[in-house]
């Protein structure tokens, strides 16, 4: 009997990618992203992570490698959503042109 192309009923031989442990490089990237986004409080960091992975996390080591990408994406989104306060008002710091600018 030959091996089938798709061994659907075969047991898993490897751990799925989503359950691979987080790497030291990914932990460093997450920490750098938090610092860059000015998210410095531990409770705020934990809240961001848990809202992304939807499970309790006591440290970054509890994350999986696949979680790191989602967490980094969420941190970047939060950074971009925060208003810039340095050197002007929210109106001055807007990114796109409005109809008033075109007058």
C-alpha atoms as a PDB file:
ATOM      1  CA  UNK A   1       0.000   0.000   0.000  1.00  0.00           C
ATOM      2  CA  UNK A   2       1.400   3.404  -0.909  1.00  0.00           C
ATOM      3  CA  UNK A   3       1.354   6.457   1.293  1.00  0.00           C
ATOM      4  CA  UNK A   4      -1.409   8.818   0.432  1.00  0.00           C
ATOM      5  CA  UNK A   5      -0.626  12.377  -0.502  1.00  0.00           C
ATOM      6  CA  UNK A   6      -2.825  13.699   2.278  1.00  0.00           C
ATOM      7  CA  UNK A   7      -2.611  11.625   5.421  1.00  0.00           C
ATOM      8  CA  UNK A   8      -5.728  13.012   7.011  1.00  0.00           C
ATOM      9  CA  UNK A   9      -6.133  10.315   9.632  1.00  0.00           C
ATOM     10  CA  UNK A  10      -2.428  10.246  10.531  1.00  0.00           C
ATOM     11  CA  UNK A  11      -1.531  11.499  14.026  1.00  0.00           C
ATOM     12  CA  UNK A  12       0.317  14.793  14.351  1.00  0.00           C
ATOM     13  CA  UNK A  13       4.057  14.246  14.197  1.00  0.00           C
ATOM     14  CA  UNK A  14       5.019  17.814  15.051  1.00  0.00           C
ATOM     15  CA  UNK A  15       3.636  20.463  17.340  1.00  0.00           C
ATOM     16  CA  UNK A  16       1.505  22.919  15.405  1.00  0.00           C
ATOM     17  CA  UNK A  17       3.211  26.208  14.623  1.00  0.00           C
ATOM     18  CA  UNK A  18       0.804  28.183  16.785  1.00  0.00           C
ATOM     19  CA  UNK A  19       2.073  26.317  19.874  1.00  0.00           C
ATOM     20  CA  UNK A  20       5.770  26.908  19.357  1.00  0.00           C
ATOM     21  CA  UNK A  21       7.284  28.874  22.258  1.00  0.00           C
ATOM     22  CA  UNK A  22       8.117  32.534  21.803  1.00  0.00           C
ATOM     23  CA  UNK A  23      11.753  33.272  20.916  1.00  0.00           C
ATOM     24  CA  UNK A  24      14.114  35.636  22.726  1.00  0.00           C
ATOM     25  CA  UNK A  25      14.189  37.814  19.595  1.00  0.00           C
ATOM     26  CA  UNK A  26      10.390  38.130  19.602  1.00  0.00           C
ATOM     27  CA  UNK A  27      10.410  39.072  23.295  1.00  0.00           C
ATOM     28  CA  UNK A  28      12.973  41.794  22.557  1.00  0.00           C
ATOM     29  CA  UNK A  29      10.819  43.067  19.678  1.00  0.00           C
ATOM     30  CA  UNK A  30       7.729  43.259  21.887  1.00  0.00           C
ATOM     31  CA  UNK A  31       9.613  45.106  24.627  1.00  0.00           C
ATOM     32  CA  UNK A  32      11.033  47.558  22.082  1.00  0.00           C
ATOM     33  CA  UNK A  33       7.577  48.108  20.562  1.00  0.00           C
ATOM     34  CA  UNK A  34       6.108  48.848  24.004  1.00  0.00           C
ATOM     35  CA  UNK A  35       8.886  51.352  24.693  1.00  0.00           C
ATOM     36  CA  UNK A  36       8.448  52.965  21.266  1.00  0.00           C
ATOM     37  CA  UNK A  37       4.693  53.283  21.843  1.00  0.00           C
ATOM     38  CA  UNK A  38       5.294  54.746  25.344  1.00  0.00           C
ATOM     39  CA  UNK A  39       3.387  51.908  26.977  1.00  0.00           C
ATOM     40  CA  UNK A  40       5.471  51.663  30.130  1.00  0.00           C
ATOM     41  CA  UNK A  41       3.101  50.534  32.882  1.00  0.00           C
ATOM     42  CA  UNK A  42       3.069  46.777  33.477  1.00  0.00           C
ATOM     43  CA  UNK A  43      -0.706  46.623  33.943  1.00  0.00           C
ATOM     44  CA  UNK A  44      -1.205  48.415  30.618  1.00  0.00           C
ATOM     45  CA  UNK A  45       1.218  46.071  28.849  1.00  0.00           C
ATOM     46  CA  UNK A  46      -0.545  43.052  30.332  1.00  0.00           C
ATOM     47  CA  UNK A  47      -3.911  44.438  29.253  1.00  0.00           C
ATOM     48  CA  UNK A  48      -2.702  44.912  25.673  1.00  0.00           C
ATOM     49  CA  UNK A  49      -1.297  41.383  25.504  1.00  0.00           C
ATOM     50  CA  UNK A  50      -4.304  39.692  27.087  1.00  0.00           C
ATOM     51  CA  UNK A  51      -6.729  41.563  24.853  1.00  0.00           C
ATOM     52  CA  UNK A  52      -4.841  40.210  21.877  1.00  0.00           C
ATOM     53  CA  UNK A  53      -4.369  36.583  22.921  1.00  0.00           C
ATOM     54  CA  UNK A  54      -7.615  36.340  24.944  1.00  0.00           C
ATOM     55  CA  UNK A  55      -6.148  34.329  27.798  1.00  0.00           C
ATOM     56  CA  UNK A  56      -4.354  35.158  31.047  1.00  0.00           C
ATOM     57  CA  UNK A  57      -0.618  35.780  30.650  1.00  0.00           C
ATOM     58  CA  UNK A  58       1.749  36.241  33.586  1.00  0.00           C
ATOM     59  CA  UNK A  59       4.879  36.964  31.526  1.00  0.00           C
ATOM     60  CA  UNK A  60       6.029  37.287  27.937  1.00  0.00           C
ATOM     61  CA  UNK A  61       7.357  33.725  28.152  1.00  0.00           C
ATOM     62  CA  UNK A  62       3.734  32.514  28.345  1.00  0.00           C
ATOM     63  CA  UNK A  63       3.166  33.658  24.763  1.00  0.00           C
ATOM     64  CA  UNK A  64       3.515  31.466  21.708  1.00  0.00           C
ATOM     65  CA  UNK A  65       5.551  32.443  18.662  1.00  0.00           C
ATOM     66  CA  UNK A  66       2.359  33.022  16.648  1.00  0.00           C
ATOM     67  CA  UNK A  67       1.039  35.351  19.384  1.00  0.00           C
ATOM     68  CA  UNK A  68       4.030  37.652  18.996  1.00  0.00           C
ATOM     69  CA  UNK A  69       2.950  38.820  15.543  1.00  0.00           C
ATOM     70  CA  UNK A  70      -0.549  39.693  16.733  1.00  0.00           C
ATOM     71  CA  UNK A  71       0.771  41.486  19.830  1.00  0.00           C
ATOM     72  CA  UNK A  72       3.263  43.527  17.785  1.00  0.00           C
ATOM     73  CA  UNK A  73       0.538  44.477  15.339  1.00  0.00           C
ATOM     74  CA  UNK A  74      -1.780  45.609  18.143  1.00  0.00           C
ATOM     75  CA  UNK A  75       0.974  47.680  19.783  1.00  0.00           C
ATOM     76  CA  UNK A  76       1.693  49.421  16.465  1.00  0.00           C
ATOM     77  CA  UNK A  77      -2.025  50.129  15.965  1.00  0.00           C
ATOM     78  CA  UNK A  78      -2.293  51.645  19.443  1.00  0.00           C
ATOM     79  CA  UNK A  79       0.778  53.783  18.833  1.00  0.00           C
ATOM     80  CA  UNK A  80      -0.650  55.126  15.577  1.00  0.00           C
ATOM     81  CA  UNK A  81      -4.040  55.781  17.204  1.00  0.00           C
ATOM     82  CA  UNK A  82      -2.587  57.893  20.020  1.00  0.00           C
ATOM     83  CA  UNK A  83      -2.761  61.609  19.388  1.00  0.00           C
ATOM     84  CA  UNK A  84       0.528  63.424  19.115  1.00  0.00           C
ATOM     85  CA  UNK A  85       0.729  66.039  21.857  1.00  0.00           C
ATOM     86  CA  UNK A  86       4.121  67.529  21.187  1.00  0.00           C
ATOM     87  CA  UNK A  87       4.142  70.820  19.344  1.00  0.00           C
ATOM     88  CA  UNK A  88       0.504  71.382  18.549  1.00  0.00           C
ATOM     89  CA  UNK A  89      -3.123  70.486  18.862  1.00  0.00           C
ATOM     90  CA  UNK A  90      -4.881  67.459  17.465  1.00  0.00           C
ATOM     91  CA  UNK A  91      -5.949  69.653  14.550  1.00  0.00           C
ATOM     92  CA  UNK A  92      -2.328  70.615  13.860  1.00  0.00           C
ATOM     93  CA  UNK A  93      -1.186  67.005  14.120  1.00  0.00           C
ATOM     94  CA  UNK A  94      -3.770  65.517  11.741  1.00  0.00           C
ATOM     95  CA  UNK A  95      -2.281  63.393   9.015  1.00  0.00           C
ATOM     96  CA  UNK A  96      -4.571  63.834   6.040  1.00  0.00           C
ATOM     97  CA  UNK A  97      -5.760  66.956   4.290  1.00  0.00           C
ATOM     98  CA  UNK A  98      -9.274  68.207   4.836  1.00  0.00           C
ATOM     99  CA  UNK A  99     -11.464  70.345   2.610  1.00  0.00           C
ATOM    100  CA  UNK A 100     -10.451  73.391   4.679  1.00  0.00           C
ATOM    101  CA  UNK A 101      -6.787  72.818   3.791  1.00  0.00           C
ATOM    102  CA  UNK A 102      -7.661  72.868   0.102  1.00  0.00           C
ATOM    103  CA  UNK A 103      -9.374  76.306   0.239  1.00  0.00           C
END
